[in-house]
Amino acid sequence: MNGTWMDRCREPSTWRGVVMILTAFGVSFSPETVNDVVAVGTGLSGLIGVMTRDGGS
């Protein structure tokens, strides 16, 4: 069981999903803050995609 979680934590899609979930919680902030939260979440998701290796090759 522990090995499965560790394997999932090494996948870029897991980290993008975590960032997107955390970004979605930003909707409960004030309207002025929502745009900033979405921008940061999108940026982090892109950064994770650039910095992590694809599993295929």
C-alpha atoms as a PDB file:
ATOM      1  CA  MET A   1       0.000   0.000   0.000  1.00  0.00           C
ATOM      2  CA  ASN A   2       2.763   2.449   0.911  1.00  0.00           C
ATOM      3  CA  GLY A   3       4.599   1.667  -2.323  1.00  0.00           C
ATOM      4  CA  THR A   4       1.503   2.553  -4.343  1.00  0.00           C
ATOM      5  CA  TRP A   5       1.266   6.019  -2.791  1.00  0.00           C
ATOM      6  CA  MET A   6       4.959   6.625  -3.321  1.00  0.00           C
ATOM      7  CA  ASP A   7       4.640   5.597  -6.972  1.00  0.00           C
ATOM      8  CA  ARG A   8       1.708   7.971  -7.435  1.00  0.00           C
ATOM      9  CA  CYS A   9       3.653  10.825  -5.816  1.00  0.00           C
ATOM     10  CA  ARG A  10       6.331  10.442  -8.476  1.00  0.00           C
ATOM     11  CA  GLU A  11       3.849  10.989 -11.316  1.00  0.00           C
ATOM     12  CA  PRO A  12       3.526  14.526 -12.724  1.00  0.00           C
ATOM     13  CA  SER A  13      -0.228  14.105 -13.140  1.00  0.00           C
ATOM     14  CA  THR A  14      -0.610  13.607  -9.391  1.00  0.00           C
ATOM     15  CA  TRP A  15       1.115  16.907  -8.647  1.00  0.00           C
ATOM     16  CA  ARG A  16      -0.864  18.742 -11.326  1.00  0.00           C
ATOM     17  CA  GLY A  17      -4.040  17.323  -9.823  1.00  0.00           C
ATOM     18  CA  VAL A  18      -3.068  18.481  -6.334  1.00  0.00           C
ATOM     19  CA  VAL A  19      -2.344  21.990  -7.613  1.00  0.00           C
ATOM     20  CA  MET A  20      -5.647  22.092  -9.506  1.00  0.00           C
ATOM     21  CA  ILE A  21      -7.604  20.949  -6.440  1.00  0.00           C
ATOM     22  CA  LEU A  22      -5.907  23.574  -4.276  1.00  0.00           C
ATOM     23  CA  THR A  23      -6.575  26.185  -6.959  1.00  0.00           C
ATOM     24  CA  ALA A  24     -10.254  25.226  -7.010  1.00  0.00           C
ATOM     25  CA  PHE A  25     -10.468  26.001  -3.294  1.00  0.00           C
ATOM     26  CA  GLY A  26      -9.380  29.524  -4.158  1.00  0.00           C
ATOM     27  CA  VAL A  27     -12.881  30.175  -5.496  1.00  0.00           C
ATOM     28  CA  SER A  28     -14.061  30.668  -1.901  1.00  0.00           C
ATOM     29  CA  PHE A  29     -11.777  33.706  -1.517  1.00  0.00           C
ATOM     30  CA  SER A  30     -12.776  37.268  -2.253  1.00  0.00           C
ATOM     31  CA  PRO A  31     -13.360  38.147  -5.925  1.00  0.00           C
ATOM     32  CA  GLU A  32     -10.177  40.220  -6.006  1.00  0.00           C
ATOM     33  CA  THR A  33      -8.104  37.255  -4.864  1.00  0.00           C
ATOM     34  CA  VAL A  34      -9.613  34.652  -7.220  1.00  0.00           C
ATOM     35  CA  ASN A  35      -7.678  35.834 -10.288  1.00  0.00           C
ATOM     36  CA  ASP A  36      -4.404  35.736  -8.366  1.00  0.00           C
ATOM     37  CA  VAL A  37      -5.084  32.240  -7.019  1.00  0.00           C
ATOM     38  CA  VAL A  38      -5.972  30.926 -10.480  1.00  0.00           C
ATOM     39  CA  ALA A  39      -2.874  32.532 -12.010  1.00  0.00           C
ATOM     40  CA  VAL A  40      -0.583  31.032  -9.367  1.00  0.00           C
ATOM     41  CA  GLY A  41      -2.236  27.606  -9.623  1.00  0.00           C
ATOM     42  CA  THR A  42      -1.962  27.594 -13.406  1.00  0.00           C
ATOM     43  CA  GLY A  43       1.651  28.684 -13.209  1.00  0.00           C
ATOM     44  CA  LEU A  44       2.507  25.973 -10.694  1.00  0.00           C
ATOM     45  CA  SER A  45       0.804  23.356 -12.838  1.00  0.00           C
ATOM     46  CA  GLY A  46       2.851  24.451 -15.846  1.00  0.00           C
ATOM     47  CA  LEU A  47       6.059  24.509 -13.809  1.00  0.00           C
ATOM     48  CA  ILE A  48       5.414  20.971 -12.582  1.00  0.00           C
ATOM     49  CA  GLY A  49       4.872  19.879 -16.176  1.00  0.00           C
ATOM     50  CA  VAL A  50       8.167  21.416 -17.267  1.00  0.00           C
ATOM     51  CA  MET A  51      10.243  20.184 -14.340  1.00  0.00           C
ATOM     52  CA  THR A  52       9.062  16.557 -14.170  1.00  0.00           C
ATOM     53  CA  ARG A  53       9.887  13.688 -16.462  1.00  0.00           C
ATOM     54  CA  ASP A  54       7.261  11.887 -18.532  1.00  0.00           C
ATOM     55  CA  GLY A  55       6.902   8.219 -17.694  1.00  0.00           C
ATOM     56  CA  GLY A  56       6.954   6.948 -21.291  1.00  0.00           C
ATOM     57  CA  SER A  57      10.595   7.154 -22.298  1.00  0.00           C
END
